[in-house]
Every structure is written in C-alpha cells, then in structure tokens.
Protein backbone atom coordinates (compact mmCIF):
# COMPACT_ATOMS: atom_id res chain seq x y z
CA UNK A 1 81.73 135.35 105.68
CA UNK A 2 78.24 134.60 104.12
CA UNK A 3 79.75 130.76 103.50
CA UNK A 4 81.16 130.60 106.99
CA UNK A 5 77.78 131.76 108.48
CA UNK A 6 76.02 129.33 106.20
CA UNK A 7 78.23 126.32 107.25
CA UNK A 8 77.87 127.38 111.16
CA UNK A 9 74.35 127.08 110.75
CA UNK A 10 74.52 123.46 108.79
CA UNK A 11 76.92 122.31 111.38
CA UNK A 12 74.44 123.31 114.36
CA UNK A 13 71.45 121.53 112.80
CA UNK A 14 73.61 118.70 112.02
CA UNK A 15 74.38 118.16 115.65
CA UNK A 16 70.81 118.64 116.77
CA UNK A 17 69.64 116.11 114.07
CA UNK A 18 72.45 113.43 115.07
CA UNK A 19 72.92 113.70 118.68
CA UNK A 20 69.35 113.01 119.94
CA UNK A 21 69.50 110.26 122.75
CA UNK A 22 73.30 110.36 123.18
CA UNK A 23 75.19 111.45 126.19
CA UNK A 24 76.32 114.86 126.10
CA UNK A 25 79.84 115.24 124.82
CA UNK A 26 82.68 116.39 127.32
CA UNK A 27 83.43 120.23 127.27
CA UNK A 28 86.37 120.64 124.67
CA UNK A 29 89.78 120.92 126.27
CA UNK A 30 91.11 122.96 123.39
CA UNK A 31 89.95 126.07 122.03
CA UNK A 32 90.14 126.74 118.16
CA UNK A 33 89.65 129.70 115.99
CA UNK A 34 87.67 128.75 112.80
CA UNK A 35 89.26 130.12 109.75
CA UNK A 36 87.15 128.37 107.09
CA UNK A 37 84.16 126.11 107.59
CA UNK A 38 82.51 124.71 104.65
CA UNK A 39 78.99 123.24 104.72
CA UNK A 40 78.60 119.61 105.65
CA UNK A 41 75.73 117.11 105.97
CA UNK A 42 74.86 115.48 109.58
CA UNK A 43 77.58 113.35 110.94
CA UNK A 44 76.97 109.77 110.72
CA UNK A 45 77.98 106.56 112.48
CA UNK A 46 79.50 103.81 110.37
CA UNK A 47 78.82 101.42 112.95
CA UNK A 48 81.41 98.27 112.83
CA UNK A 49 83.18 97.33 109.77
CA UNK A 50 85.91 99.03 107.75
CA UNK A 51 83.65 101.13 105.54
CA UNK A 52 85.14 104.55 106.78
CA UNK A 53 86.19 105.07 102.91
CA UNK A 54 82.52 105.25 101.85
CA UNK A 55 81.43 107.48 104.36
CA UNK A 56 84.38 109.99 103.97
CA UNK A 57 84.20 110.08 100.15
CA UNK A 58 80.25 110.58 100.18
CA UNK A 59 80.70 113.37 102.73
CA UNK A 60 83.26 115.04 100.39
CA UNK A 61 80.69 114.97 97.53
CA UNK A 62 77.82 116.11 100.02
CA UNK A 63 80.15 119.11 101.07
CA UNK A 64 80.85 119.98 97.23
CA UNK A 65 77.05 120.34 96.75
CA UNK A 66 76.07 122.05 99.87
CA UNK A 67 78.61 124.62 99.07
CA UNK A 68 76.96 125.26 95.53
CA UNK A 69 73.55 125.63 97.52
CA UNK A 70 72.44 122.05 96.57
CA UNK A 71 71.33 120.19 99.57
CA UNK A 72 72.64 116.38 99.15
CA UNK A 73 72.73 113.87 101.78
CA UNK A 74 73.67 110.23 100.30
CA UNK A 75 73.18 106.71 101.25
CA UNK A 76 76.46 104.84 102.46
CA UNK A 77 74.12 101.61 102.57
CA UNK A 78 73.38 101.75 98.96
CA UNK A 79 77.13 101.63 98.28
CA UNK A 80 77.73 98.93 100.66
CA UNK A 81 74.79 96.83 98.90
CA UNK A 82 76.36 97.40 95.48
CA UNK A 83 79.87 96.47 96.77
CA UNK A 84 78.91 93.22 98.12
CA UNK A 85 77.01 92.27 95.38
CA UNK A 86 79.72 93.04 92.73
CA UNK A 87 82.27 91.16 94.95
CA UNK A 88 80.03 88.19 95.25
CA UNK A 89 79.65 88.08 91.30
CA UNK A 90 83.37 88.34 90.97
CA UNK A 91 84.21 85.57 93.60
CA UNK A 92 81.71 83.22 92.03
CA UNK A 93 83.12 83.80 88.30
CA UNK A 94 86.75 83.49 89.62
CA UNK A 95 85.81 80.18 91.60
CA UNK A 96 86.53 81.68 94.89
CA UNK A 97 89.79 83.12 94.15
CA UNK A 98 88.94 86.76 95.10
CA UNK A 99 87.82 87.55 98.83
CA UNK A 100 84.82 89.53 99.80
CA UNK A 101 85.99 92.47 102.06
CA UNK A 102 84.40 95.76 103.37
CA UNK A 103 87.72 97.65 103.50
CA UNK A 104 88.57 99.80 100.50
CA UNK A 105 90.20 103.20 99.56
CA UNK A 106 88.62 106.61 98.57
CA UNK A 107 89.05 106.48 94.97
CA UNK A 108 86.92 103.01 95.09
CA UNK A 109 84.04 104.95 96.00
CA UNK A 110 84.30 106.82 92.85
CA UNK A 111 84.60 104.06 90.85
CA UNK A 112 81.34 102.40 92.60
CA UNK A 113 79.31 105.47 91.95
CA UNK A 114 80.51 105.61 88.25
CA UNK A 115 79.31 101.86 88.13
CA UNK A 116 76.23 101.70 90.19
CA UNK A 117 75.17 105.14 90.69
CA UNK A 118 73.85 106.53 94.01
CA UNK A 119 70.89 107.23 96.33
CA UNK A 120 69.73 109.91 98.83
CA UNK A 121 70.12 109.02 102.43
CA UNK A 122 66.31 109.49 102.89
CA UNK A 123 65.72 106.92 100.06
CA UNK A 124 67.93 104.02 101.30
CA UNK A 125 69.16 103.94 105.08
CA UNK A 126 68.92 101.52 107.69
CA UNK A 127 69.15 104.18 110.37
CA UNK A 128 66.09 105.52 109.52
CA UNK A 129 64.13 102.53 109.70
CA UNK A 130 65.78 100.26 112.54
CA UNK A 131 65.98 100.65 116.24
CA UNK A 132 69.37 99.04 115.77
CA UNK A 133 70.98 100.65 112.81
CA UNK A 134 74.73 99.30 113.68
CA UNK A 135 74.76 96.67 111.12
CA UNK A 136 78.42 94.92 111.05
CA UNK A 137 79.55 94.95 107.56
CA UNK A 138 82.32 92.85 108.18
CA UNK A 139 79.70 90.19 108.99
CA UNK A 140 77.61 90.99 105.84
CA UNK A 141 80.73 90.39 103.82
CA UNK A 142 81.23 86.93 105.54
CA UNK A 143 77.63 85.95 104.96
CA UNK A 144 77.92 87.25 101.24
CA UNK A 145 81.14 85.17 100.81
CA UNK A 146 79.47 82.03 102.41
CA UNK A 147 76.59 82.34 99.78
CA UNK A 148 79.20 82.95 96.85
CA UNK A 149 81.06 79.74 97.99
CA UNK A 150 77.75 77.84 97.83
CA UNK A 151 77.41 78.84 94.36
CA UNK A 152 81.09 77.90 93.62
CA UNK A 153 80.74 74.54 95.17
CA UNK A 154 77.45 73.77 93.23
CA UNK A 155 79.04 74.96 89.90
CA UNK A 156 76.07 77.35 89.25
CA UNK A 157 75.95 80.90 87.56
CA UNK A 158 76.13 83.80 89.95
CA UNK A 159 72.41 84.47 89.27
CA UNK A 160 71.52 81.26 90.60
CA UNK A 161 71.97 82.20 94.31
CA UNK A 162 71.51 85.98 93.90
CA UNK A 163 67.68 85.84 95.21
CA UNK A 164 69.33 84.47 98.52
CA UNK A 165 71.86 87.18 98.58
CA UNK A 166 69.07 89.94 98.08
CA UNK A 167 67.01 88.26 100.98
CA UNK A 168 69.95 88.42 103.26
CA UNK A 169 70.80 92.22 102.37
CA UNK A 170 67.05 93.06 102.31
CA UNK A 171 66.86 91.70 106.20
CA UNK A 172 70.11 93.55 106.90
CA UNK A 173 69.63 96.60 105.12
CA UNK A 174 66.46 96.97 103.79
CA UNK A 175 64.68 96.44 100.54
CA UNK A 176 66.28 98.29 97.65
CA UNK A 177 63.87 100.99 95.86
CA UNK A 178 64.05 100.76 92.18
CA UNK A 179 64.03 104.58 91.57
CA UNK A 180 64.94 107.83 93.32
CA UNK A 181 62.73 110.51 93.75
CA UNK A 182 64.00 114.13 94.05
CA UNK A 183 62.04 117.34 93.84
CA UNK A 184 59.24 115.71 92.06
CA UNK A 185 61.26 113.98 89.34
CA UNK A 186 62.18 110.30 89.07
CA UNK A 187 65.66 108.89 88.40
CA UNK A 188 67.23 105.53 88.31
CA UNK A 189 70.20 105.43 90.79
CA UNK A 190 72.60 105.53 87.97
CA UNK A 191 71.15 108.83 86.85
CA UNK A 192 71.23 110.21 90.42
CA UNK A 193 74.77 109.04 90.70
CA UNK A 194 75.77 111.07 87.56
CA UNK A 195 74.07 114.25 88.67
CA UNK A 196 75.98 114.14 91.99
CA UNK A 197 79.49 113.05 90.92
CA UNK A 198 80.56 113.46 87.44
CA UNK A 199 82.97 111.33 85.77
CA UNK A 200 86.51 112.56 86.44
CA UNK A 201 85.25 115.35 88.79
CA UNK A 202 87.83 114.47 91.31
CA UNK A 203 91.47 113.99 91.57
CA UNK A 204 93.36 111.43 93.99
CA UNK A 205 96.74 112.75 95.19
CA UNK A 206 99.48 110.85 97.23
CA UNK A 207 103.16 111.66 98.03
CA UNK A 208 105.75 109.08 98.15
CA UNK A 209 109.27 109.18 96.53
CA UNK A 210 109.61 105.39 95.61
CA UNK A 211 107.46 106.30 92.61
CA UNK A 212 108.30 109.30 90.34
CA UNK A 213 106.47 112.54 91.03
CA UNK A 214 103.84 113.78 88.30
CA UNK A 215 102.65 110.13 87.44
CA UNK A 216 99.80 108.20 87.97
CA UNK A 217 100.82 105.04 90.18
CA UNK A 218 99.16 101.89 91.61
CA UNK A 219 100.02 102.71 95.29
CA UNK A 220 100.87 99.79 97.42
CA UNK A 221 98.07 99.51 99.83
CA UNK A 222 96.30 96.32 101.33
CA UNK A 223 92.93 97.73 100.68
CA UNK A 224 93.42 98.87 97.18
CA UNK A 225 92.08 95.80 95.83
CA UNK A 226 90.99 97.31 92.45
CA UNK A 227 94.27 98.78 91.84
CA UNK A 228 92.93 102.43 91.79
CA UNK A 229 95.65 105.12 90.56
CA UNK A 230 96.92 107.88 92.74
CA UNK A 231 98.56 111.07 91.18
CA UNK A 232 102.05 111.24 92.91
CA UNK A 233 103.36 114.81 93.90
CA UNK A 234 105.60 116.29 96.59
CA UNK A 235 104.06 116.60 99.90
CA UNK A 236 104.08 120.57 99.64
CA UNK A 237 102.07 120.35 96.44
CA UNK A 238 99.48 117.96 98.24
CA UNK A 239 99.16 120.32 101.04
CA UNK A 240 98.77 123.29 98.86
CA UNK A 241 96.06 121.57 96.89
CA UNK A 242 94.09 120.69 100.15
CA UNK A 243 94.50 124.56 101.31
CA UNK A 244 93.02 125.71 97.87
CA UNK A 245 90.28 123.46 97.82
CA UNK A 246 89.11 124.11 101.29
CA UNK A 247 89.51 127.71 101.01
CA UNK A 248 87.54 127.53 97.88
CA UNK A 249 84.71 125.85 99.41
CA UNK A 250 85.24 122.38 98.04
CA UNK A 251 85.23 119.11 99.83
CA UNK A 252 88.24 117.24 100.29
CA UNK A 253 88.65 113.53 101.37
CA UNK A 254 91.47 112.36 103.64
CA UNK A 255 93.00 108.84 103.96
CA UNK A 256 95.68 108.09 106.35
CA UNK A 257 96.86 106.72 109.74
CA UNK A 258 95.41 107.28 112.92
CA UNK A 259 97.46 104.78 114.85
CA UNK A 260 99.56 107.56 116.42
CA UNK A 261 99.09 108.16 120.06
CA UNK A 262 98.29 111.80 119.26
CA UNK A 263 95.02 110.75 117.60
CA UNK A 264 92.24 110.87 119.82
CA UNK A 265 88.45 111.04 118.63
CA UNK A 266 87.39 111.25 122.56
CA UNK A 267 89.46 114.49 122.84
CA UNK A 268 88.75 115.59 119.09
CA UNK A 269 92.31 116.22 118.16
CA UNK A 270 95.05 114.69 116.19
CA UNK A 271 98.59 115.84 116.71
CA UNK A 272 102.30 114.96 116.85
CA UNK A 273 104.27 115.33 120.00
CA UNK A 274 107.35 117.66 119.54
CA UNK A 275 106.80 117.64 115.73
CA UNK A 276 106.48 120.94 113.64
CA UNK A 277 108.16 120.32 110.49
CA UNK A 278 107.71 117.18 108.53
CA UNK A 279 110.06 116.45 105.61
CA UNK A 280 109.51 114.31 102.57
CA UNK A 281 112.18 111.83 103.66
CA UNK A 282 110.23 111.33 107.03
CA UNK A 283 107.25 110.70 105.38
CA UNK A 284 109.04 108.04 103.21
CA UNK A 285 110.66 106.18 106.12
CA UNK A 286 107.37 106.12 107.99
CA UNK A 287 105.44 104.63 105.12
CA UNK A 288 108.27 102.01 104.24
CA UNK A 289 108.68 100.75 107.79
CA UNK A 290 104.80 100.69 107.89
CA UNK A 291 104.61 103.16 110.66
CA UNK A 292 102.38 105.21 108.46
CA UNK A 293 99.57 102.66 107.46
CA UNK A 294 96.22 103.19 105.50
CA UNK A 295 93.70 103.07 108.57
CA UNK A 296 91.06 105.59 108.17
CA UNK A 297 89.13 108.09 105.90
CA UNK A 298 87.60 111.30 106.95
CA UNK A 299 86.39 114.41 104.93
CA UNK A 300 88.07 117.71 105.69
CA UNK A 301 85.59 120.54 106.03
CA UNK A 302 87.54 123.58 107.31
CA UNK A 303 90.78 125.00 108.56
CA UNK A 304 91.22 126.68 112.15
CA UNK A 305 94.30 127.74 114.45
CA UNK A 306 94.91 127.44 118.06
CA UNK A 307 96.19 129.94 120.34
CA UNK A 308 99.78 129.64 119.18
CA UNK A 309 98.56 130.25 115.64
CA UNK A 310 99.39 126.78 114.63
CA UNK A 311 97.10 125.34 111.58
CA UNK A 312 94.64 122.53 112.15
CA UNK A 313 92.26 120.95 109.73
CA UNK A 314 88.85 120.30 110.46
CA UNK A 315 87.79 116.64 109.89
CA UNK A 316 84.38 115.54 109.75
CA UNK A 317 84.41 111.83 110.98
CA UNK A 318 82.10 108.98 110.73
CA UNK A 319 82.20 107.77 114.39
CA UNK A 320 78.92 109.42 115.57
CA UNK A 321 78.83 112.75 117.69
CA UNK A 322 80.05 111.70 120.97
CA UNK A 323 83.10 113.66 121.32
CA UNK A 324 83.83 117.54 122.20
CA UNK A 325 83.25 118.71 118.82
CA UNK A 326 80.26 116.67 118.01
CA UNK A 327 81.99 114.25 115.69
CA UNK A 328 84.64 116.44 114.34
CA UNK A 329 88.31 116.20 114.87
CA UNK A 330 91.01 118.87 114.79
CA UNK A 331 94.20 117.59 112.87
CA UNK A 332 97.49 119.61 113.13
CA UNK A 333 99.11 120.55 109.87
CA UNK A 334 102.19 118.35 110.97
CA UNK A 335 100.05 115.37 111.75
CA UNK A 336 98.56 115.70 107.99
CA UNK A 337 101.88 116.28 106.54
CA UNK A 338 103.43 113.01 108.03
CA UNK A 339 100.45 110.68 108.30
CA UNK A 340 98.68 111.29 104.94
CA UNK A 341 98.22 108.49 102.46
CA UNK A 342 96.09 110.32 99.88
CA UNK A 343 93.68 113.20 99.60
CA UNK A 344 90.96 113.26 96.93
CA UNK A 345 90.16 116.97 95.89
CA UNK A 346 87.88 118.48 93.20
CA UNK A 347 89.62 118.46 89.98
CA UNK A 348 88.71 121.70 88.23
CA UNK A 349 92.21 123.00 86.95
CA UNK A 350 94.04 121.78 90.09
CA UNK A 351 96.12 119.03 87.98
CA UNK A 352 97.32 121.79 85.45
CA UNK A 353 97.91 124.21 88.25
CA UNK A 354 100.32 121.73 90.20
CA UNK A 355 102.10 120.82 86.72
CA UNK A 356 102.58 124.27 85.87
CA UNK A 357 104.23 124.94 89.68
CA UNK A 358 106.39 121.90 89.40
CA UNK A 359 107.83 123.36 85.96
CA UNK A 360 108.60 126.81 87.60
CA UNK A 361 110.73 124.76 90.32
CA UNK A 362 112.81 122.93 87.83
C-alpha cells in the first residue's frame, strides 16, 4: 500500500510538471481500478522520429530506481547523440554500406548505455533549454548521413569531419557536458551509466514458435540492426514474467504493435474487439503474415482492471500528456498477449525461475 501511495504521488507530480501550457485532456471515458502502480518519472514527449525505444527503455530503468527510493530521470538526448555518432563512424568505416537510422529495439538501448554511459535529464535535455524542443531525430539522422557521405567521398577518416557533426548536434541538441554532477559527486557519463544500469541486469523476452523455446534468438525485426538477442519463451511464461515484475515493483519495457484499430492514444486504451483468449498459434500467424509488426515501445508501470474484472496493463507512453490519462495508456491483457513483440524485465532470478517452470511442464 505504501508503494502504491508513493507511486500515485509521483504520478500526480509528473502530470503537473509536464502538462503546463497544454490543453486540458478529455475526461476519461473508461473507469479502471488500479491494482498496482509503480513510480515513474514525468511523462515525456519524444517529438518526431522513431526513438520510442530510447524513451521506453530509459523509463523502465527510471522506474526500477524510483521504486528503490532513488530518484532518477535520464536523458534521451544523450543516447540519441551517442547513437548518431556511432552510426556516423560505422558508415564512414564501411564506405557508406551501413545506413544511419533513428529506429531501434529496446535491447539496443541497453547496449548503448553499456558502451557510452548515460546522463541525467537535467544535465542534457533540449526541452529544458529550448522554446521549440520537438527536434525531428529523423532529420538529424539524414544530416548525419550526409556528413558521413562527405567523409566517404573525400576518402578521409571519421575523425576528420567529426567537428562538423559535433557542431550540427550542438545546434540541435545542445553542447555535451563532459561530466555528470549528482549529489555533490562528479561522474563521467560511463560511470554514471554503470551506476544506473548494470551489465546483464535485464532479460529480453519474446515468444514465437519458428524458433525453439528456451534459446536466445536473433529475432527477425527490421529495426534489430545490431542483431541483439531475445530469449524465446511461451507466451504464458512471458506474461507471467511481466506480472511478477510489475507486482514486485520493477520496471518493464514493452515492444509491440500499435496498428490495431483498438489502439487509441487519444482515448488512452488499447484493446481487441471480440477477443478474450489469445493462443500461441494466433500470435505466430499474426507475426508471420505481418499483421503484428514492431511499431512502438512503452514502459509498463502498473496493472488495473475494469468493471468486468478484465486485466489491463498501465503503459507509460512518450507522446506527451494530452490524453485522458495524462499520457498513460490502458492495454488489455488480450492485446498484450497477441501484439507483444518483446518485453524487457529485470533479470534477478527470472531466467532460472522460468527454466524451472519449463522443466516441470515437460
């Protein structure tokens, strides 16, 4: 109960912080009873560009720390900058063979934090310093690729035009501070990143039958550019892992399809018409016929139920607060079962528990 009250207080303060100057959201058309609500940082607006995976996975890390009593609010812009710089170097060194893109998957965020660290939101964020914070990351990617192509055409090393790239990113995102200051201590971004996201802290789960269960797989996703691995399990196992994590006060990152008519940010709900039960076979058919696609990422911060006692997951989105639930979306269990591509959960003993459960069912 203490955790729920704390989370409600955080949620209220988040709404006040992020909704200033926006139109008042519509009155909720659906009433939900909250069963679990974990703490989360203020709802952000990713602006234009396909970087929801950065916002959602960072939000998951933030919830993990907030529920430990450690206030953490991380900078998406720092990750955007490091991602573009890395892709610039790779494009030049591969003579233009690799494209520069803004889209990715949730586990890619974990790889970038491990490689380049992290920064607090207050240390590096365009939205705190600009009257027009909605930078289009897709445009930044195209500008970065143009600079890389100039380097390729000139036959020079990546470092030769790196000052030009830095200037462009400084003008769009702001100059990058060399250090992080937190509670009177000084950190490098790499040190700060290790303090908020330990290596091997999270487990990435998926559920598709064209790969064996119980194995780490390179899932066939257009945005999985770096071939990050997903641990493949039955859908019941995946949902049980989500339920345990949320009930235990952990952050969960959700990655999946939002192209269904039943997904509506403006109404704050995601549900499937006429579907209560979802089978593993239905999931597979939807994925193989590309009716389930890798569209979007959000962070799961709670569980609720409606007047018919149907379970819903409370999703923290990154499209601002202009909806009836101040930026949150209530996703039905059926929607999650059918349309999930992957989830990221805190590892702890999760993998061992899942493997033990699979042994019992043999």
